[in-house]
Amino acid sequence: MNNTKNQTRYFILMIIAMLFWGTSWTAGKVAAAHSHAEVAAFWRYAISFITLLPIVWYLKSPLKSDRVGYIYMLIAGVLTSLFNYLFFAGLSHGAAGYGGTMVTSLAPIFTYLMSITILGTKVTNRQVAALSIGIFGALILLRVPFEGFAFLNIESSYFLGCALVWALVTIFSQKASSRTNPMYYSLIVFGIAGFTNMMFALPYHPFDFGAYDAIFWANIIFIGVIPGTFATTLYFISAAKIGAHRTGVFMFIVPIGAIASSWVVYGENLALSTLIGCLLAFVAVVLFNMKSGKKKLT
């Protein structure tokens, strides 16, 4: 009975984390409108890195890894900085709700495809069917059946890039997971991402605090602290309790936060194609991660 209550508590914490991650898309769009994408990208992870330090200390997370683990973290940090820039650049041109839904839905599908084609991960017939559903959902999300290759515009191309880059980050995260503590991993990756983004932000004077208004600072601090440090901590603590095989499904709560917050702030409406594509991707992730006696993606 107590175990069931604990599971329910961690399910709730995971849902809260996902909703906060969803709101970061709308807050990011606001921040991008009041600054340069490079500056917003730098401060997002700089703030997350600074505020994660006391949590790592409080949780007494082991601050160690091996050489290969640090290489994975370095690559993941650089890729995260690229994702971060594409995130803000895309939001400066496109809709927050669409971006949050598209990236969250496509990234798991791309991760599975990369794991199969690049890493040679073995899959079952059921998983092949799941990927087929996911690819079809991706095509609908990109509106290919309706608009052809019109998705290769400035709005969708940034978000498509986000999904591809995040799939790579996920693979390196999986590689590093057995070599270091997840909180320490996040700290290092946040630090590398923040430093890398800072190099590109310097021409825009990111430390000239008076050059950016209160709306920018309020939203970038929110993104860095709440969806960044707070939600990430909830995610890792909860993921350790409910099992890694279930976390992929929870990612599909992110679009709810993105769509709801973008509707409140910007009045953005959810397109039917976006909803259908997201649901098909959700089905694909559930089918792919269903337990079976055969080998699954890990």
Protein backbone atom coordinates (compact mmCIF):
# COMPACT_ATOMS: atom_id res chain seq x y z
CA MET A 1 0.00 0.00 0.00
CA ASN A 2 2.78 2.41 0.95
CA ASN A 3 4.62 1.52 -2.24
CA THR A 4 1.53 2.42 -4.28
CA LYS A 5 1.25 5.77 -2.49
CA ASN A 6 4.93 6.48 -3.13
CA GLN A 7 4.51 5.60 -6.82
CA THR A 8 1.52 7.95 -7.05
CA ARG A 9 3.51 10.74 -5.43
CA TYR A 10 6.34 10.36 -7.92
CA PHE A 11 3.87 10.18 -10.81
CA ILE A 12 2.46 13.54 -9.65
CA LEU A 13 5.95 15.04 -9.32
CA MET A 14 6.81 13.85 -12.83
CA ILE A 15 3.64 15.43 -14.22
CA ILE A 16 4.49 18.73 -12.50
CA ALA A 17 8.01 18.63 -13.97
CA MET A 18 6.65 18.00 -17.47
CA LEU A 19 4.11 20.83 -17.22
CA PHE A 20 6.85 23.23 -16.14
CA TRP A 21 8.99 22.12 -19.08
CA GLY A 22 6.02 22.90 -21.29
CA THR A 23 5.65 26.44 -19.94
CA SER A 24 9.31 27.10 -20.77
CA TRP A 25 8.34 27.29 -24.46
CA THR A 26 6.00 30.22 -23.89
CA ALA A 27 8.33 31.94 -21.43
CA GLY A 28 11.15 31.39 -23.93
CA LYS A 29 9.16 33.07 -26.68
CA VAL A 30 8.61 36.09 -24.42
CA ALA A 31 12.33 36.21 -23.52
CA ALA A 32 13.35 35.88 -27.18
CA ALA A 33 11.11 38.82 -28.09
CA HIS A 34 12.91 41.01 -25.54
CA SER A 35 16.51 40.05 -26.30
CA HIS A 36 18.81 38.31 -28.74
CA ALA A 37 18.56 34.52 -29.05
CA GLU A 38 22.25 34.23 -28.15
CA VAL A 39 21.81 36.20 -24.91
CA ALA A 40 18.70 34.30 -23.85
CA ALA A 41 20.43 31.00 -24.61
CA PHE A 42 23.40 31.92 -22.41
CA TRP A 43 21.43 33.10 -19.39
CA ARG A 44 19.05 30.14 -19.46
CA TYR A 45 21.73 27.59 -18.61
CA ALA A 46 23.94 29.97 -16.67
CA ILE A 47 21.07 30.47 -14.21
CA SER A 48 20.28 26.74 -14.16
CA PHE A 49 23.93 25.91 -13.45
CA ILE A 50 24.19 28.40 -10.58
CA THR A 51 20.93 27.34 -8.95
CA LEU A 52 21.65 23.63 -9.39
CA LEU A 53 24.89 23.86 -7.39
CA PRO A 54 23.26 24.03 -3.91
CA ILE A 55 20.86 21.20 -4.82
CA VAL A 56 23.70 18.93 -5.88
CA TRP A 57 25.43 19.77 -2.59
CA TYR A 58 22.26 19.21 -0.53
CA LEU A 59 21.55 15.85 -2.18
CA LYS A 60 25.20 14.87 -1.69
CA SER A 61 25.38 13.74 -5.30
CA PRO A 62 28.66 11.95 -6.12
CA LEU A 63 30.86 14.35 -8.07
CA LYS A 64 32.74 11.86 -10.16
CA SER A 65 32.84 10.04 -13.47
CA ASP A 66 35.40 8.28 -15.64
CA ARG A 67 37.19 9.65 -18.69
CA VAL A 68 34.63 8.28 -21.14
CA GLY A 69 31.82 9.71 -19.03
CA TYR A 70 33.36 13.18 -19.18
CA ILE A 71 33.72 12.89 -22.96
CA TYR A 72 30.02 12.05 -23.21
CA MET A 73 29.17 15.01 -20.96
CA LEU A 74 31.34 17.36 -23.04
CA ILE A 75 29.62 16.31 -26.27
CA ALA A 76 26.18 16.50 -24.63
CA GLY A 77 26.97 19.97 -23.26
CA VAL A 78 27.99 21.33 -26.67
CA LEU A 79 24.94 19.76 -28.31
CA THR A 80 22.72 21.20 -25.56
CA SER A 81 24.09 24.66 -26.29
CA LEU A 82 23.15 24.18 -29.95
CA PHE A 83 19.67 23.01 -28.96
CA ASN A 84 19.39 26.03 -26.68
CA TYR A 85 20.17 28.46 -29.49
CA LEU A 86 17.77 26.74 -31.90
CA PHE A 87 15.12 26.83 -29.14
CA PHE A 88 15.23 30.62 -28.80
CA ALA A 89 15.84 31.31 -32.50
CA GLY A 90 12.84 29.15 -33.39
CA LEU A 91 10.64 30.85 -30.80
CA SER A 92 11.59 34.27 -32.15
CA HIS A 93 9.95 33.22 -35.44
CA GLY A 94 7.41 30.52 -34.57
CA ALA A 95 4.59 29.58 -32.20
CA ALA A 96 5.45 28.29 -28.71
CA GLY A 97 2.68 25.68 -28.60
CA TYR A 98 3.61 24.23 -31.98
CA GLY A 99 7.31 24.23 -31.13
CA GLY A 100 6.82 22.49 -27.80
CA THR A 101 4.57 19.86 -29.35
CA MET A 102 6.70 19.26 -32.41
CA VAL A 103 10.04 18.92 -30.61
CA THR A 104 8.69 16.77 -27.78
CA SER A 105 6.93 14.43 -30.21
CA LEU A 106 9.67 14.11 -32.81
CA ALA A 107 12.70 13.81 -30.50
CA PRO A 108 11.84 10.31 -29.15
CA ILE A 109 11.15 9.03 -32.68
CA PHE A 110 14.49 10.42 -33.92
CA THR A 111 16.22 8.93 -30.88
CA TYR A 112 14.92 5.44 -31.68
CA LEU A 113 15.82 5.76 -35.37
CA MET A 114 19.36 6.97 -34.57
CA SER A 115 19.84 4.20 -32.01
CA ILE A 116 18.84 1.62 -34.61
CA THR A 117 20.78 3.03 -37.59
CA ILE A 118 23.88 4.37 -35.81
CA LEU A 119 24.22 2.16 -32.73
CA GLY A 120 22.78 -0.98 -34.28
CA THR A 121 20.13 -1.42 -31.57
CA LYS A 122 18.06 -4.56 -32.18
CA VAL A 123 14.29 -4.13 -32.37
CA THR A 124 11.30 -6.44 -32.43
CA ASN A 125 8.57 -6.53 -35.06
CA ARG A 126 6.29 -4.71 -32.62
CA GLN A 127 8.87 -1.95 -32.23
CA VAL A 128 9.20 -1.65 -36.01
CA ALA A 129 5.43 -1.20 -36.20
CA ALA A 130 5.63 1.40 -33.40
CA LEU A 131 8.29 3.33 -35.28
CA SER A 132 6.18 3.24 -38.44
CA ILE A 133 3.31 4.81 -36.51
CA GLY A 134 5.74 7.37 -35.06
CA ILE A 135 7.13 8.29 -38.47
CA PHE A 136 3.60 8.72 -39.82
CA GLY A 137 2.83 10.95 -36.82
CA ALA A 138 5.97 12.95 -37.52
CA LEU A 139 4.92 13.52 -41.12
CA ILE A 140 1.52 14.79 -39.93
CA LEU A 141 3.19 17.05 -37.34
CA LEU A 142 5.32 18.48 -40.15
CA ARG A 143 2.11 18.83 -42.24
CA VAL A 144 3.69 16.95 -45.13
CA PRO A 145 0.39 15.30 -46.27
CA PHE A 146 -1.21 18.75 -46.47
CA GLU A 147 1.60 21.13 -47.45
CA GLY A 148 4.34 18.90 -48.89
CA PHE A 149 7.79 20.14 -47.93
CA ALA A 150 6.53 23.54 -46.85
CA PHE A 151 7.74 22.62 -43.34
CA LEU A 152 11.23 23.57 -44.49
CA ASN A 153 10.49 27.19 -43.56
CA ILE A 154 12.20 29.38 -41.02
CA GLU A 155 9.65 28.50 -38.31
CA SER A 156 9.62 24.72 -38.54
CA SER A 157 13.27 24.27 -39.55
CA TYR A 158 14.51 25.56 -36.19
CA PHE A 159 12.15 23.25 -34.31
CA LEU A 160 13.08 20.32 -36.54
CA GLY A 161 16.72 21.07 -35.73
CA CYS A 162 15.84 21.13 -32.01
CA ALA A 163 14.31 17.66 -32.24
CA LEU A 164 17.29 16.21 -34.13
CA VAL A 165 19.84 17.72 -31.75
CA TRP A 166 17.88 16.66 -28.67
CA ALA A 167 17.78 13.09 -29.99
CA LEU A 168 21.59 13.13 -30.06
CA VAL A 169 21.70 14.63 -26.55
CA THR A 170 19.43 11.80 -25.38
CA ILE A 171 21.72 9.15 -26.83
CA PHE A 172 24.80 10.61 -25.13
CA SER A 173 22.82 10.97 -21.89
CA GLN A 174 21.97 7.28 -22.06
CA LYS A 175 25.64 6.47 -22.66
CA ALA A 176 26.72 8.57 -19.66
CA SER A 177 23.97 7.34 -17.30
CA SER A 178 25.93 4.31 -16.10
CA ARG A 179 29.09 6.35 -15.54
CA THR A 180 27.93 9.21 -13.33
CA ASN A 181 25.17 10.51 -11.08
CA PRO A 182 22.32 12.15 -13.07
CA MET A 183 22.42 15.35 -10.99
CA TYR A 184 26.18 15.69 -11.48
CA TYR A 185 25.66 14.97 -15.18
CA SER A 186 23.09 17.80 -15.38
CA LEU A 187 25.42 20.19 -13.55
CA ILE A 188 28.31 19.55 -15.92
CA VAL A 189 26.15 19.67 -19.04
CA PHE A 190 24.47 22.90 -17.89
CA GLY A 191 27.89 24.43 -17.22
CA ILE A 192 29.31 23.45 -20.61
CA ALA A 193 26.16 24.60 -22.42
CA GLY A 194 26.15 27.93 -20.58
CA PHE A 195 29.83 28.56 -21.28
CA THR A 196 29.50 27.63 -24.96
CA ASN A 197 26.45 29.87 -25.41
CA MET A 198 28.31 32.69 -23.63
CA MET A 199 31.01 32.66 -26.32
CA PHE A 200 28.39 33.45 -28.95
CA ALA A 201 26.53 35.91 -26.72
CA LEU A 202 29.52 38.15 -25.95
CA PRO A 203 29.07 40.38 -29.05
CA TYR A 204 25.60 41.24 -27.70
CA HIS A 205 26.91 42.27 -24.25
CA PRO A 206 25.02 39.75 -22.08
CA PHE A 207 26.45 41.23 -18.87
CA ASP A 208 25.05 44.70 -19.62
CA PHE A 209 22.09 44.05 -17.32
CA GLY A 210 20.47 47.39 -18.04
CA ALA A 211 20.28 46.65 -21.77
CA TYR A 212 17.45 44.16 -21.23
CA ASP A 213 14.12 44.96 -19.63
CA ALA A 214 12.37 43.46 -16.62
CA ILE A 215 10.17 41.27 -18.81
CA PHE A 216 13.24 39.52 -20.22
CA TRP A 217 14.84 39.00 -16.81
CA ALA A 218 11.61 37.74 -15.21
CA ASN A 219 11.08 35.16 -17.95
CA ILE A 220 14.70 34.03 -18.28
CA ILE A 221 15.02 33.62 -14.50
CA PHE A 222 11.76 31.65 -14.50
CA ILE A 223 13.06 29.36 -17.28
CA GLY A 224 16.41 28.87 -15.60
CA VAL A 225 15.08 28.19 -12.10
CA ILE A 226 11.66 26.53 -12.47
CA PRO A 227 11.65 24.49 -15.73
CA GLY A 228 15.44 24.29 -15.53
CA THR A 229 16.71 23.49 -12.04
CA PHE A 230 13.47 22.67 -10.17
CA ALA A 231 11.76 20.57 -12.86
CA THR A 232 14.99 18.79 -13.79
CA THR A 233 15.52 17.81 -10.15
CA LEU A 234 11.94 16.53 -9.91
CA TYR A 235 12.42 14.61 -13.15
CA PHE A 236 15.56 12.76 -12.07
CA ILE A 237 14.28 11.98 -8.58
CA SER A 238 10.97 10.70 -9.95
CA ALA A 239 12.51 8.83 -12.88
CA ALA A 240 14.69 6.87 -10.47
CA LYS A 241 11.59 5.78 -8.57
CA ILE A 242 9.12 4.98 -11.35
CA GLY A 243 11.56 3.38 -13.79
CA ALA A 244 13.36 4.63 -16.87
CA HIS A 245 11.05 2.72 -19.23
CA ARG A 246 8.12 4.94 -18.17
CA THR A 247 9.76 8.36 -18.50
CA GLY A 248 9.39 8.56 -22.28
CA VAL A 249 5.62 8.47 -21.98
CA PHE A 250 5.59 11.35 -19.49
CA MET A 251 7.36 13.56 -22.03
CA PHE A 252 4.05 13.84 -23.87
CA ILE A 253 2.70 15.92 -21.01
CA VAL A 254 5.11 18.69 -22.07
CA PRO A 255 2.92 19.80 -25.01
CA ILE A 256 -0.01 20.30 -22.62
CA GLY A 257 1.98 22.89 -20.69
CA ALA A 258 3.27 24.47 -23.90
CA ILE A 259 -0.14 24.62 -25.58
CA ALA A 260 -2.03 25.84 -22.50
CA SER A 261 0.49 28.56 -21.61
CA SER A 262 0.84 29.73 -25.24
CA TRP A 263 -2.95 29.95 -25.51
CA VAL A 264 -3.14 32.07 -22.33
CA VAL A 265 -0.27 34.40 -23.26
CA TYR A 266 -0.48 34.57 -27.06
CA GLY A 267 -3.92 33.18 -27.89
CA GLU A 268 -2.32 30.46 -30.02
CA ASN A 269 -4.74 27.79 -31.24
CA LEU A 270 -3.91 24.09 -31.54
CA ALA A 271 -4.05 22.82 -35.13
CA LEU A 272 -5.78 19.48 -35.68
CA SER A 273 -2.71 18.15 -37.50
CA THR A 274 -0.54 18.98 -34.48
CA LEU A 275 -2.91 17.12 -32.14
CA ILE A 276 -3.14 14.03 -34.37
CA GLY A 277 0.62 13.92 -34.94
CA CYS A 278 1.31 14.24 -31.21
CA LEU A 279 -1.15 11.45 -30.35
CA LEU A 280 0.39 9.10 -32.95
CA ALA A 281 3.87 9.81 -31.60
CA PHE A 282 2.56 9.11 -28.10
CA VAL A 283 1.17 5.75 -29.23
CA ALA A 284 4.51 4.94 -30.88
CA VAL A 285 6.47 5.65 -27.70
CA VAL A 286 4.09 3.57 -25.57
CA LEU A 287 4.29 0.60 -27.97
CA PHE A 288 8.05 0.86 -28.30
CA ASN A 289 8.61 0.83 -24.54
CA MET A 290 6.11 -1.88 -23.62
CA LYS A 291 7.79 -4.62 -21.66
CA SER A 292 8.40 -7.86 -23.50
CA GLY A 293 10.72 -10.81 -23.31
CA LYS A 294 12.72 -9.51 -26.23
CA LYS A 295 15.43 -6.88 -26.24
CA LYS A 296 14.30 -3.29 -26.00
CA LEU A 297 16.00 0.04 -26.52
CA THR A 298 17.90 1.03 -23.37
